[in-house]
Amino acid sequence: MEHEVYTWDGKKAGKVVVPSELFALPWNADLVHQVITAMRSNARSNTAHAKDRGDVSGGGRKPWQQKGTGRARHGSIRSPIWKGGGVTHGPTNERNYERKINKKMRDKALLTVLSQKLRDGEVLFVEGMALSAPKTKEAAQKLGNLAKVTECPHMRYVRGKRVLITTPSLEGDMVKGFRNIPSTRVEELRTVSPMDLLTYEYIVIANPKDGFKKLSERVNK
């Protein structure tokens, strides 16, 4: 498969052959859902904790005698039906949300999402590095050039998660230049997850030939 390659100045730079083993996988909704659900579960923290009736202080004696008062019988003020009593079925910090994700599943989900985004026209290949200095103004201008030549106006929006720029290796100038644009993020291609790909609308792969090599090494490791 051949796809257009652009420059950060908004010009066409030729075409690149996209490996079919990386970008031609059929859509697998069940696999992607399973991996994304597991990743979200692993990101949860078990800080929420409610005291049950065994954790609440007090209640060492019976509030009143069993019979003869005319009131309902009670055994402890720590009962959940009492004000200040324990919580029934509340969250506890002993719960473990961790779920295992096999490497083959995670890698296949990553390539599946990449393939679908490429079919939807949401993956762009750009040659070279965007910035010569860590300047936000220059970064915004480069995004504008790319949005214009690719006819993707949403790339210039400052709200939402719009553009994920992936590079073979992290460049300090690019990270610093784009980090003040809230809708854009720069990430090394070998650390990108399926969650990242689904979070952002467009995926920009800088220096695609080197990027393909890094991606292939990652999934074949």
N, C-alpha and C. Protein backbone atom coordinates (compact mmCIF):
# COMPACT_ATOMS: atom_id res chain seq x y z
N MET A 1 0.84 -1.19 0.00
CA MET A 1 0.00 0.00 0.00
C MET A 1 0.88 1.25 0.00
N GLU A 2 0.52 2.20 -0.84
CA GLU A 2 1.23 3.47 -0.89
C GLU A 2 0.33 4.58 -0.36
N HIS A 3 0.96 5.46 0.43
CA HIS A 3 0.21 6.59 0.97
C HIS A 3 1.06 7.85 0.84
N GLU A 4 0.35 8.98 0.79
CA GLU A 4 1.01 10.28 0.62
C GLU A 4 1.82 10.65 1.86
N VAL A 5 2.98 11.25 1.60
CA VAL A 5 3.83 11.78 2.67
C VAL A 5 3.88 13.29 2.52
N TYR A 6 3.74 14.01 3.65
CA TYR A 6 3.73 15.47 3.63
C TYR A 6 4.93 16.02 4.38
N THR A 7 5.17 17.30 4.20
CA THR A 7 6.16 18.00 5.00
C THR A 7 5.44 18.88 6.01
N TRP A 8 6.16 19.32 7.03
CA TRP A 8 5.56 20.18 8.03
C TRP A 8 5.27 21.59 7.50
N ASP A 9 5.78 21.89 6.30
CA ASP A 9 5.50 23.18 5.68
C ASP A 9 4.24 23.16 4.82
N GLY A 10 3.55 22.02 4.80
CA GLY A 10 2.31 21.94 4.05
C GLY A 10 2.49 21.59 2.60
N LYS A 11 3.46 20.77 2.28
CA LYS A 11 3.70 20.35 0.90
C LYS A 11 3.75 18.83 0.83
N LYS A 12 3.48 18.32 -0.37
CA LYS A 12 3.57 16.89 -0.58
C LYS A 12 5.03 16.50 -0.84
N ALA A 13 5.47 15.42 -0.18
CA ALA A 13 6.88 15.01 -0.28
C ALA A 13 7.04 13.66 -0.97
N GLY A 14 5.98 13.16 -1.60
CA GLY A 14 6.07 11.87 -2.27
C GLY A 14 5.15 10.85 -1.62
N LYS A 15 5.51 9.59 -1.80
CA LYS A 15 4.71 8.50 -1.26
C LYS A 15 5.59 7.54 -0.49
N VAL A 16 4.96 6.79 0.40
CA VAL A 16 5.67 5.80 1.20
C VAL A 16 4.88 4.49 1.13
N VAL A 17 5.61 3.39 1.08
CA VAL A 17 4.98 2.07 1.08
C VAL A 17 4.68 1.67 2.52
N VAL A 18 3.42 1.47 2.82
CA VAL A 18 2.99 1.14 4.18
C VAL A 18 2.92 -0.38 4.32
N PRO A 19 3.63 -0.97 5.28
CA PRO A 19 3.61 -2.43 5.44
C PRO A 19 2.20 -2.94 5.76
N SER A 20 1.76 -3.92 4.98
CA SER A 20 0.41 -4.45 5.17
C SER A 20 0.29 -5.21 6.48
N GLU A 21 1.40 -5.78 6.99
CA GLU A 21 1.33 -6.52 8.25
C GLU A 21 1.13 -5.60 9.44
N LEU A 22 1.34 -4.30 9.25
CA LEU A 22 1.15 -3.34 10.32
C LEU A 22 -0.13 -2.52 10.18
N PHE A 23 -0.56 -2.28 8.94
CA PHE A 23 -1.66 -1.34 8.71
C PHE A 23 -2.80 -1.94 7.89
N ALA A 24 -2.88 -3.24 7.78
CA ALA A 24 -3.96 -3.83 6.98
C ALA A 24 -4.74 -4.89 7.75
N LEU A 25 -4.76 -4.79 9.06
CA LEU A 25 -5.51 -5.75 9.86
C LEU A 25 -7.00 -5.43 9.83
N PRO A 26 -7.85 -6.45 9.77
CA PRO A 26 -9.30 -6.18 9.80
C PRO A 26 -9.74 -5.70 11.19
N TRP A 27 -10.85 -4.99 11.23
CA TRP A 27 -11.36 -4.48 12.49
C TRP A 27 -11.85 -5.63 13.36
N ASN A 28 -11.45 -5.61 14.62
CA ASN A 28 -11.83 -6.63 15.59
C ASN A 28 -12.34 -5.91 16.85
N ALA A 29 -13.64 -5.66 16.88
CA ALA A 29 -14.21 -4.87 17.97
C ALA A 29 -14.09 -5.58 19.31
N ASP A 30 -14.26 -6.90 19.31
CA ASP A 30 -14.19 -7.64 20.57
C ASP A 30 -12.81 -7.56 21.20
N LEU A 31 -11.78 -7.72 20.37
CA LEU A 31 -10.40 -7.65 20.87
C LEU A 31 -10.09 -6.26 21.42
N VAL A 32 -10.43 -5.23 20.65
CA VAL A 32 -10.13 -3.86 21.07
C VAL A 32 -10.88 -3.53 22.36
N HIS A 33 -12.14 -3.94 22.46
CA HIS A 33 -12.91 -3.68 23.68
C HIS A 33 -12.29 -4.37 24.88
N GLN A 34 -11.87 -5.60 24.70
CA GLN A 34 -11.28 -6.35 25.81
C GLN A 34 -9.99 -5.70 26.30
N VAL A 35 -9.14 -5.27 25.37
CA VAL A 35 -7.86 -4.67 25.74
C VAL A 35 -8.08 -3.30 26.39
N ILE A 36 -8.95 -2.48 25.81
CA ILE A 36 -9.19 -1.14 26.35
C ILE A 36 -9.82 -1.23 27.73
N THR A 37 -10.76 -2.15 27.92
CA THR A 37 -11.41 -2.32 29.22
C THR A 37 -10.38 -2.73 30.27
N ALA A 38 -9.48 -3.64 29.90
CA ALA A 38 -8.44 -4.08 30.84
C ALA A 38 -7.48 -2.94 31.16
N MET A 39 -7.12 -2.12 30.19
CA MET A 39 -6.21 -1.01 30.42
C MET A 39 -6.86 0.03 31.34
N ARG A 40 -8.13 0.30 31.15
CA ARG A 40 -8.82 1.24 32.03
C ARG A 40 -8.92 0.69 33.45
N SER A 41 -9.14 -0.61 33.55
CA SER A 41 -9.22 -1.22 34.87
C SER A 41 -7.88 -1.15 35.58
N ASN A 42 -6.79 -1.37 34.85
CA ASN A 42 -5.45 -1.32 35.45
C ASN A 42 -5.09 0.10 35.89
N ALA A 43 -5.70 1.08 35.26
CA ALA A 43 -5.40 2.47 35.62
C ALA A 43 -6.20 2.95 36.83
N ARG A 44 -7.15 2.14 37.29
CA ARG A 44 -7.96 2.55 38.44
C ARG A 44 -7.17 2.45 39.73
N SER A 45 -7.46 3.34 40.64
CA SER A 45 -6.85 3.29 41.97
C SER A 45 -7.93 2.92 42.99
N ASN A 46 -7.56 2.12 43.97
CA ASN A 46 -8.55 1.67 44.95
C ASN A 46 -8.49 2.52 46.22
N THR A 47 -8.57 3.84 46.03
CA THR A 47 -8.50 4.75 47.18
C THR A 47 -9.85 4.90 47.88
N ALA A 48 -10.94 4.66 47.18
CA ALA A 48 -12.27 4.80 47.79
C ALA A 48 -12.46 3.71 48.84
N HIS A 49 -12.84 4.12 50.04
CA HIS A 49 -13.01 3.15 51.12
C HIS A 49 -14.10 3.63 52.06
N ALA A 50 -15.03 2.75 52.36
CA ALA A 50 -16.10 3.05 53.30
C ALA A 50 -16.02 2.06 54.47
N LYS A 51 -16.33 2.54 55.66
CA LYS A 51 -16.29 1.68 56.84
C LYS A 51 -17.55 0.83 56.92
N ASP A 52 -17.36 -0.46 57.11
CA ASP A 52 -18.51 -1.30 57.36
C ASP A 52 -18.78 -1.36 58.87
N ARG A 53 -19.74 -2.15 59.31
CA ARG A 53 -20.12 -2.13 60.71
C ARG A 53 -19.01 -2.66 61.62
N GLY A 54 -18.06 -3.38 61.06
CA GLY A 54 -16.94 -3.85 61.87
C GLY A 54 -15.86 -2.81 62.07
N ASP A 55 -15.90 -1.73 61.27
CA ASP A 55 -14.88 -0.67 61.36
C ASP A 55 -15.35 0.54 62.17
N VAL A 56 -16.65 0.68 62.35
CA VAL A 56 -17.19 1.84 63.05
C VAL A 56 -16.99 1.68 64.55
N SER A 57 -16.61 2.76 65.20
CA SER A 57 -16.38 2.70 66.65
C SER A 57 -17.71 2.71 67.40
N GLY A 58 -17.67 2.22 68.62
CA GLY A 58 -18.86 2.20 69.47
C GLY A 58 -19.67 0.94 69.26
N GLY A 59 -20.84 0.92 69.90
CA GLY A 59 -21.74 -0.21 69.72
C GLY A 59 -21.36 -1.44 70.51
N GLY A 60 -20.67 -1.25 71.62
CA GLY A 60 -20.25 -2.40 72.39
C GLY A 60 -21.36 -3.02 73.23
N ARG A 61 -22.43 -2.29 73.38
CA ARG A 61 -23.53 -2.85 74.18
C ARG A 61 -24.84 -2.68 73.41
N LYS A 62 -25.83 -3.40 73.87
CA LYS A 62 -27.15 -3.32 73.25
C LYS A 62 -27.79 -1.97 73.60
N PRO A 63 -28.35 -1.26 72.61
CA PRO A 63 -28.90 0.08 72.91
C PRO A 63 -29.97 0.07 73.99
N TRP A 64 -30.86 -0.89 73.94
CA TRP A 64 -31.88 -1.05 74.98
C TRP A 64 -32.29 -2.51 75.02
N GLN A 65 -33.04 -2.83 76.02
CA GLN A 65 -33.40 -4.23 76.20
C GLN A 65 -34.27 -4.73 75.04
N GLN A 66 -34.25 -6.04 74.88
CA GLN A 66 -34.91 -6.64 73.73
C GLN A 66 -36.42 -6.40 73.75
N LYS A 67 -37.03 -6.55 74.92
CA LYS A 67 -38.49 -6.48 74.99
C LYS A 67 -38.94 -5.47 76.06
N GLY A 68 -40.15 -5.04 75.90
CA GLY A 68 -40.77 -4.24 76.94
C GLY A 68 -40.71 -2.74 76.73
N THR A 69 -39.95 -2.26 75.77
CA THR A 69 -39.84 -0.81 75.56
C THR A 69 -40.86 -0.30 74.54
N GLY A 70 -41.39 -1.17 73.73
CA GLY A 70 -42.30 -0.74 72.67
C GLY A 70 -41.57 -0.31 71.41
N ARG A 71 -40.27 -0.27 71.48
CA ARG A 71 -39.47 0.13 70.30
C ARG A 71 -38.95 -1.10 69.57
N ALA A 72 -38.46 -0.86 68.35
CA ALA A 72 -37.93 -1.97 67.57
C ALA A 72 -36.67 -2.51 68.23
N ARG A 73 -36.45 -3.78 68.09
CA ARG A 73 -35.28 -4.40 68.70
C ARG A 73 -34.02 -4.05 67.92
N HIS A 74 -32.95 -3.77 68.63
CA HIS A 74 -31.66 -3.47 68.02
C HIS A 74 -30.57 -4.10 68.86
N GLY A 75 -29.49 -4.48 68.17
CA GLY A 75 -28.38 -5.10 68.87
C GLY A 75 -27.16 -4.22 68.94
N SER A 76 -27.04 -3.24 68.02
CA SER A 76 -25.83 -2.41 68.00
C SER A 76 -26.11 -1.12 67.26
N ILE A 77 -25.51 -0.03 67.73
CA ILE A 77 -25.66 1.24 67.02
C ILE A 77 -24.76 1.29 65.80
N ARG A 78 -23.93 0.27 65.60
CA ARG A 78 -23.09 0.20 64.41
C ARG A 78 -23.83 -0.39 63.21
N SER A 79 -25.08 -0.74 63.40
CA SER A 79 -25.88 -1.30 62.31
C SER A 79 -26.01 -0.29 61.16
N PRO A 80 -26.02 -0.73 59.93
CA PRO A 80 -26.14 0.20 58.78
C PRO A 80 -27.41 1.03 58.77
N ILE A 81 -28.45 0.60 59.50
CA ILE A 81 -29.69 1.39 59.48
C ILE A 81 -29.65 2.52 60.49
N TRP A 82 -28.58 2.60 61.28
CA TRP A 82 -28.43 3.70 62.24
C TRP A 82 -27.59 4.81 61.62
N LYS A 83 -27.90 6.05 62.02
CA LYS A 83 -27.07 7.18 61.62
C LYS A 83 -25.69 7.03 62.25
N GLY A 84 -24.66 7.14 61.43
CA GLY A 84 -23.31 6.95 61.92
C GLY A 84 -22.87 5.50 61.95
N GLY A 85 -23.74 4.61 61.50
CA GLY A 85 -23.39 3.20 61.47
C GLY A 85 -22.54 2.85 60.26
N GLY A 86 -22.27 1.56 60.11
CA GLY A 86 -21.45 1.11 58.98
C GLY A 86 -22.20 1.22 57.66
N VAL A 87 -21.43 1.16 56.56
CA VAL A 87 -21.97 1.25 55.21
C VAL A 87 -22.13 -0.16 54.65
N THR A 88 -23.27 -0.42 54.05
CA THR A 88 -23.53 -1.72 53.44
C THR A 88 -23.02 -1.76 52.01
N HIS A 89 -22.20 -2.74 51.69
CA HIS A 89 -21.68 -2.97 50.33
C HIS A 89 -20.95 -1.73 49.78
N GLY A 90 -20.27 -0.99 50.63
CA GLY A 90 -19.53 0.18 50.17
C GLY A 90 -18.20 -0.21 49.56
N PRO A 91 -17.51 0.74 48.90
CA PRO A 91 -16.20 0.44 48.30
C PRO A 91 -15.14 0.22 49.37
N THR A 92 -14.21 -0.65 49.09
CA THR A 92 -13.11 -0.92 50.02
C THR A 92 -11.79 -0.81 49.28
N ASN A 93 -10.75 -0.40 50.01
CA ASN A 93 -9.44 -0.27 49.38
C ASN A 93 -8.69 -1.60 49.29
N GLU A 94 -9.37 -2.67 49.60
CA GLU A 94 -8.76 -3.99 49.47
C GLU A 94 -9.06 -4.61 48.10
N ARG A 95 -9.90 -3.97 47.34
CA ARG A 95 -10.28 -4.54 46.04
C ARG A 95 -9.15 -4.35 45.03
N ASN A 96 -8.90 -5.36 44.23
CA ASN A 96 -7.84 -5.34 43.23
C ASN A 96 -8.47 -5.26 41.84
N TYR A 97 -8.19 -4.17 41.12
CA TYR A 97 -8.76 -3.97 39.79
C TYR A 97 -7.84 -4.46 38.67
N GLU A 98 -6.68 -4.96 39.01
CA GLU A 98 -5.69 -5.32 37.98
C GLU A 98 -6.18 -6.48 37.13
N ARG A 99 -6.00 -6.32 35.82
CA ARG A 99 -6.37 -7.37 34.87
C ARG A 99 -5.21 -7.61 33.92
N LYS A 100 -4.96 -8.84 33.61
CA LYS A 100 -3.83 -9.20 32.77
C LYS A 100 -4.15 -8.99 31.29
N ILE A 101 -3.18 -8.43 30.57
CA ILE A 101 -3.30 -8.26 29.13
C ILE A 101 -2.11 -8.96 28.48
N ASN A 102 -2.36 -9.96 27.67
CA ASN A 102 -1.26 -10.63 26.99
C ASN A 102 -0.62 -9.68 25.98
N LYS A 103 0.68 -9.81 25.80
CA LYS A 103 1.41 -8.93 24.88
C LYS A 103 0.88 -9.07 23.45
N LYS A 104 0.58 -10.29 23.03
CA LYS A 104 0.08 -10.48 21.67
C LYS A 104 -1.26 -9.79 21.48
N MET A 105 -2.10 -9.84 22.50
CA MET A 105 -3.40 -9.16 22.41
C MET A 105 -3.22 -7.65 22.34
N ARG A 106 -2.35 -7.11 23.19
CA ARG A 106 -2.13 -5.67 23.21
C ARG A 106 -1.55 -5.19 21.89
N ASP A 107 -0.57 -5.92 21.36
CA ASP A 107 0.05 -5.52 20.09
C ASP A 107 -0.94 -5.63 18.94
N LYS A 108 -1.73 -6.69 18.92
CA LYS A 108 -2.70 -6.84 17.83
C LYS A 108 -3.77 -5.76 17.92
N ALA A 109 -4.20 -5.42 19.13
CA ALA A 109 -5.17 -4.34 19.28
C ALA A 109 -4.60 -3.02 18.79
N LEU A 110 -3.33 -2.77 19.07
CA LEU A 110 -2.67 -1.55 18.60
C LEU A 110 -2.68 -1.48 17.08
N LEU A 111 -2.29 -2.57 16.42
CA LEU A 111 -2.25 -2.58 14.95
C LEU A 111 -3.66 -2.54 14.37
N THR A 112 -4.62 -3.14 15.06
CA THR A 112 -6.00 -3.10 14.58
C THR A 112 -6.55 -1.68 14.56
N VAL A 113 -6.29 -0.94 15.63
CA VAL A 113 -6.75 0.45 15.69
C VAL A 113 -6.02 1.30 14.65
N LEU A 114 -4.71 1.10 14.51
CA LEU A 114 -3.94 1.83 13.50
C LEU A 114 -4.49 1.57 12.10
N SER A 115 -4.78 0.31 11.82
CA SER A 115 -5.29 -0.05 10.49
C SER A 115 -6.64 0.62 10.22
N GLN A 116 -7.51 0.62 11.22
CA GLN A 116 -8.83 1.22 11.03
C GLN A 116 -8.72 2.73 10.86
N LYS A 117 -7.85 3.36 11.63
CA LYS A 117 -7.68 4.81 11.50
C LYS A 117 -7.08 5.17 10.14
N LEU A 118 -6.20 4.32 9.63
CA LEU A 118 -5.65 4.57 8.30
C LEU A 118 -6.75 4.47 7.24
N ARG A 119 -7.63 3.49 7.37
CA ARG A 119 -8.74 3.36 6.43
C ARG A 119 -9.69 4.55 6.52
N ASP A 120 -9.81 5.12 7.72
CA ASP A 120 -10.69 6.28 7.92
C ASP A 120 -10.02 7.60 7.56
N GLY A 121 -8.77 7.55 7.12
CA GLY A 121 -8.07 8.78 6.74
C GLY A 121 -7.60 9.60 7.92
N GLU A 122 -7.38 8.97 9.07
CA GLU A 122 -6.98 9.69 10.27
C GLU A 122 -5.53 9.44 10.66
N VAL A 123 -4.77 8.79 9.78
CA VAL A 123 -3.33 8.60 10.00
C VAL A 123 -2.58 9.37 8.92
N LEU A 124 -1.68 10.25 9.33
CA LEU A 124 -0.92 11.08 8.39
C LEU A 124 0.57 10.78 8.53
N PHE A 125 1.25 10.75 7.41
CA PHE A 125 2.68 10.50 7.40
C PHE A 125 3.40 11.79 7.02
N VAL A 126 4.34 12.18 7.89
CA VAL A 126 5.03 13.46 7.71
C VAL A 126 6.53 13.21 7.77
N GLU A 127 7.25 13.81 6.85
CA GLU A 127 8.70 13.64 6.77
C GLU A 127 9.39 14.71 7.58
N GLY A 128 10.41 14.30 8.34
CA GLY A 128 11.23 15.24 9.08
C GLY A 128 10.63 15.64 10.41
N MET A 129 11.42 16.43 11.15
CA MET A 129 10.97 16.94 12.44
C MET A 129 10.34 18.31 12.26
N ALA A 130 9.38 18.62 13.10
CA ALA A 130 8.57 19.82 12.89
C ALA A 130 9.31 21.10 13.26
N LEU A 131 10.08 21.08 14.35
CA LEU A 131 10.58 22.33 14.91
C LEU A 131 12.09 22.35 14.95
N SER A 132 12.63 23.52 14.69
CA SER A 132 14.07 23.74 14.85
C SER A 132 14.39 24.33 16.21
N ALA A 133 13.37 24.82 16.91
CA ALA A 133 13.51 25.40 18.25
C ALA A 133 12.19 25.17 18.98
N PRO A 134 12.22 25.11 20.32
CA PRO A 134 10.99 24.85 21.08
C PRO A 134 10.08 26.07 21.14
N LYS A 135 9.41 26.36 20.03
CA LYS A 135 8.54 27.52 19.93
C LYS A 135 7.10 27.09 19.69
N THR A 136 6.21 27.46 20.60
CA THR A 136 4.81 27.09 20.46
C THR A 136 4.17 27.75 19.25
N LYS A 137 4.56 28.98 18.97
CA LYS A 137 4.01 29.67 17.81
C LYS A 137 4.36 28.94 16.53
N GLU A 138 5.59 28.47 16.43
CA GLU A 138 6.01 27.72 15.24
C GLU A 138 5.27 26.38 15.17
N ALA A 139 5.07 25.73 16.34
CA ALA A 139 4.36 24.46 16.36
C ALA A 139 2.93 24.62 15.87
N ALA A 140 2.25 25.69 16.31
CA ALA A 140 0.88 25.93 15.87
C ALA A 140 0.83 26.21 14.37
N GLN A 141 1.84 26.90 13.86
CA GLN A 141 1.88 27.19 12.43
C GLN A 141 2.07 25.90 11.63
N LYS A 142 2.92 25.01 12.12
CA LYS A 142 3.14 23.74 11.43
C LYS A 142 1.86 22.90 11.39
N LEU A 143 1.13 22.90 12.50
CA LEU A 143 -0.13 22.18 12.52
C LEU A 143 -1.13 22.77 11.52
N GLY A 144 -1.14 24.09 11.44
CA GLY A 144 -2.02 24.75 10.48
C GLY A 144 -1.67 24.38 9.05
N ASN A 145 -0.37 24.33 8.74
CA ASN A 145 0.07 23.95 7.39
C ASN A 145 -0.37 22.53 7.06
N LEU A 146 -0.19 21.65 8.03
CA LEU A 146 -0.54 20.24 7.82
C LEU A 146 -2.06 20.07 7.69
N ALA A 147 -2.82 20.81 8.49
CA ALA A 147 -4.28 20.72 8.41
C ALA A 147 -4.79 21.21 7.07
N LYS A 148 -4.14 22.20 6.52
CA LYS A 148 -4.57 22.77 5.25
C LYS A 148 -4.30 21.83 4.09
N VAL A 149 -3.10 21.26 4.03
CA VAL A 149 -2.73 20.41 2.89
C VAL A 149 -3.45 19.07 2.94
N THR A 150 -3.78 18.59 4.15
CA THR A 150 -4.47 17.30 4.27
C THR A 150 -5.97 17.43 4.35
N GLU A 151 -6.46 18.69 4.35
CA GLU A 151 -7.89 18.97 4.45
C GLU A 151 -8.49 18.35 5.71
N CYS A 152 -7.78 18.54 6.81
CA CYS A 152 -8.25 18.07 8.12
C CYS A 152 -8.31 19.28 9.06
N PRO A 153 -9.34 20.09 8.96
CA PRO A 153 -9.40 21.33 9.75
C PRO A 153 -9.45 21.10 11.25
N HIS A 154 -9.90 19.94 11.69
CA HIS A 154 -10.00 19.69 13.13
C HIS A 154 -8.64 19.68 13.81
N MET A 155 -7.58 19.51 13.06
CA MET A 155 -6.24 19.47 13.64
C MET A 155 -5.89 20.78 14.32
N ARG A 156 -6.50 21.86 13.89
CA ARG A 156 -6.16 23.17 14.46
C ARG A 156 -7.00 23.51 15.68
N TYR A 157 -7.96 22.67 16.04
CA TYR A 157 -8.78 22.95 17.20
C TYR A 157 -7.95 22.84 18.48
N VAL A 158 -8.21 23.72 19.41
CA VAL A 158 -7.44 23.72 20.67
C VAL A 158 -8.20 22.99 21.77
N ARG A 159 -9.43 22.58 21.51
CA ARG A 159 -10.20 21.84 22.50
C ARG A 159 -10.31 20.38 22.07
N GLY A 160 -10.36 19.52 23.06
CA GLY A 160 -10.44 18.10 22.77
C GLY A 160 -9.07 17.51 22.51
N LYS A 161 -9.04 16.22 22.24
CA LYS A 161 -7.81 15.52 21.92
C LYS A 161 -7.76 15.33 20.41
N ARG A 162 -6.96 16.15 19.76
CA ARG A 162 -7.01 16.20 18.29
C ARG A 162 -5.86 15.46 17.61
N VAL A 163 -4.63 15.72 18.02
CA VAL A 163 -3.47 15.22 17.27
C VAL A 163 -2.49 14.53 18.21
N LEU A 164 -2.16 13.30 17.89
CA LEU A 164 -1.09 12.57 18.57
C LEU A 164 0.07 12.43 17.59
N ILE A 165 1.17 13.09 17.90
CA ILE A 165 2.35 13.05 17.02
C ILE A 165 3.29 11.98 17.55
N THR A 166 3.57 10.97 16.73
CA THR A 166 4.46 9.89 17.13
C THR A 166 5.77 10.02 16.38
N THR A 167 6.86 9.79 17.08
CA THR A 167 8.19 9.92 16.51
C THR A 167 9.00 8.67 16.82
N PRO A 168 10.00 8.33 15.98
CA PRO A 168 10.86 7.18 16.29
C PRO A 168 11.59 7.34 17.61
N SER A 169 11.98 8.57 17.93
CA SER A 169 12.62 8.86 19.22
C SER A 169 12.19 10.27 19.64
N LEU A 170 12.08 10.48 20.94
CA LEU A 170 11.60 11.77 21.42
C LEU A 170 12.62 12.87 21.16
N GLU A 171 12.13 13.97 20.64
CA GLU A 171 12.94 15.16 20.41
C GLU A 171 12.50 16.24 21.39
N GLY A 172 13.47 16.77 22.12
CA GLY A 172 13.15 17.75 23.15
C GLY A 172 12.44 18.97 22.62
N ASP A 173 12.88 19.47 21.46
CA ASP A 173 12.27 20.68 20.89
C ASP A 173 10.81 20.45 20.53
N MET A 174 10.52 19.26 19.98
CA MET A 174 9.13 18.98 19.61
C MET A 174 8.25 18.84 20.84
N VAL A 175 8.75 18.16 21.85
CA VAL A 175 7.95 17.99 23.07
C VAL A 175 7.65 19.34 23.71
N LYS A 176 8.66 20.19 23.81
CA LYS A 176 8.48 21.50 24.43
C LYS A 176 7.63 22.42 23.57
N GLY A 177 7.78 22.31 22.25
CA GLY A 177 7.03 23.20 21.36
C GLY A 177 5.55 22.90 21.33
N PHE A 178 5.18 21.61 21.37
CA PHE A 178 3.78 21.23 21.25
C PHE A 178 3.08 21.08 22.58
N ARG A 179 3.79 21.07 23.69
CA ARG A 179 3.13 20.78 24.96
C ARG A 179 2.23 21.91 25.44
N ASN A 180 2.39 23.12 24.92
CA ASN A 180 1.51 24.22 25.29
C ASN A 180 0.25 24.27 24.43
N ILE A 181 0.13 23.34 23.48
CA ILE A 181 -1.10 23.22 22.69
C ILE A 181 -1.90 22.08 23.30
N PRO A 182 -2.98 22.38 24.02
CA PRO A 182 -3.65 21.34 24.82
C PRO A 182 -4.24 20.20 24.02
N SER A 183 -4.51 20.42 22.74
CA SER A 183 -5.13 19.37 21.93
C SER A 183 -4.11 18.44 21.27
N THR A 184 -2.82 18.69 21.53
CA THR A 184 -1.76 17.96 20.83
C THR A 184 -0.81 17.33 21.84
N ARG A 185 -0.28 16.19 21.47
CA ARG A 185 0.68 15.49 22.33
C ARG A 185 1.72 14.82 21.46
N VAL A 186 2.98 14.80 21.93
CA VAL A 186 4.08 14.13 21.24
C VAL A 186 4.47 12.90 22.04
N GLU A 187 4.56 11.76 21.37
CA GLU A 187 4.85 10.50 22.05
C GLU A 187 5.77 9.66 21.17
N GLU A 188 6.65 8.92 21.81
CA GLU A 188 7.50 8.00 21.08
C GLU A 188 6.67 6.82 20.59
N LEU A 189 6.89 6.41 19.35
CA LEU A 189 6.02 5.42 18.73
C LEU A 189 6.05 4.09 19.46
N ARG A 190 7.18 3.73 20.02
CA ARG A 190 7.29 2.41 20.67
C ARG A 190 6.54 2.35 22.00
N THR A 191 6.11 3.49 22.54
CA THR A 191 5.39 3.50 23.82
C THR A 191 3.91 3.82 23.65
N VAL A 192 3.45 4.02 22.42
CA VAL A 192 2.04 4.35 22.19
C VAL A 192 1.18 3.12 22.49
N SER A 193 0.04 3.34 23.11
CA SER A 193 -0.88 2.26 23.45
C SER A 193 -2.16 2.39 22.62
N PRO A 194 -2.95 1.31 22.54
CA PRO A 194 -4.25 1.42 21.85
C PRO A 194 -5.14 2.50 22.44
N MET A 195 -5.05 2.73 23.75
CA MET A 195 -5.83 3.79 24.39
C MET A 195 -5.44 5.16 23.84
N ASP A 196 -4.14 5.38 23.63
CA ASP A 196 -3.69 6.66 23.07
C ASP A 196 -4.27 6.88 21.67
N LEU A 197 -4.26 5.83 20.85
CA LEU A 197 -4.74 5.96 19.48
C LEU A 197 -6.23 6.28 19.43
N LEU A 198 -6.99 5.71 20.34
CA LEU A 198 -8.43 5.96 20.35
C LEU A 198 -8.78 7.27 21.03
N THR A 199 -7.88 7.80 21.84
CA THR A 199 -8.15 9.06 22.53
C THR A 199 -8.04 10.23 21.58
N TYR A 200 -7.08 10.18 20.65
CA TYR A 200 -6.83 11.30 19.74
C TYR A 200 -7.47 11.04 18.38
N GLU A 201 -7.94 12.14 17.77
CA GLU A 201 -8.65 12.02 16.49
C GLU A 201 -7.69 11.69 15.35
N TYR A 202 -6.55 12.37 15.31
CA TYR A 202 -5.59 12.15 14.23
C TYR A 202 -4.27 11.62 14.80
N ILE A 203 -3.64 10.75 14.04
CA ILE A 203 -2.34 10.20 14.39
C ILE A 203 -1.34 10.63 13.33
N VAL A 204 -0.33 11.38 13.74
CA VAL A 204 0.73 11.81 12.82
C VAL A 204 1.96 10.96 13.09
N ILE A 205 2.44 10.28 12.06
CA ILE A 205 3.64 9.46 12.17
C ILE A 205 4.77 10.20 11.48
N ALA A 206 5.69 10.74 12.27
CA ALA A 206 6.83 11.48 11.72
C ALA A 206 7.93 10.51 11.32
N ASN A 207 8.60 10.82 10.21
CA ASN A 207 9.64 9.94 9.66
C ASN A 207 9.12 8.50 9.55
N PRO A 208 8.16 8.27 8.66
CA PRO A 208 7.45 7.00 8.65
C PRO A 208 8.33 5.77 8.46
N LYS A 209 9.38 5.85 7.64
CA LYS A 209 10.22 4.67 7.41
C LYS A 209 10.89 4.21 8.70
N ASP A 210 11.44 5.16 9.45
CA ASP A 210 12.02 4.81 10.75
C ASP A 210 10.94 4.36 11.72
N GLY A 211 9.77 4.99 11.63
CA GLY A 211 8.67 4.62 12.51
C GLY A 211 8.18 3.20 12.26
N PHE A 212 8.10 2.82 10.99
CA PHE A 212 7.69 1.45 10.66
C PHE A 212 8.67 0.44 11.24
N LYS A 213 9.94 0.77 11.18
CA LYS A 213 10.96 -0.15 11.70
C LYS A 213 10.82 -0.30 13.21
N LYS A 214 10.62 0.82 13.91
CA LYS A 214 10.46 0.77 15.37
C LYS A 214 9.19 -0.01 15.75
N LEU A 215 8.11 0.23 15.00
CA LEU A 215 6.85 -0.45 15.30
C LEU A 215 6.96 -1.94 15.05
N SER A 216 7.64 -2.31 13.98
CA SER A 216 7.82 -3.72 13.67
C SER A 216 8.66 -4.42 14.72
N GLU A 217 9.70 -3.74 15.20
CA GLU A 217 10.53 -4.32 16.27
C GLU A 217 9.73 -4.51 17.53
N ARG A 218 8.83 -3.58 17.79
CA ARG A 218 8.03 -3.67 19.02
C ARG A 218 7.08 -4.86 18.99
N VAL A 219 6.37 -5.05 17.91
CA VAL A 219 5.36 -6.10 17.88
C VAL A 219 5.98 -7.48 17.63
N ASN A 220 7.20 -7.53 17.13
CA ASN A 220 7.86 -8.81 16.87
C ASN A 220 8.86 -9.19 17.93
N LYS A 221 8.90 -8.42 19.01
CA LYS A 221 9.87 -8.68 20.09
C LYS A 221 9.50 -9.94 20.84
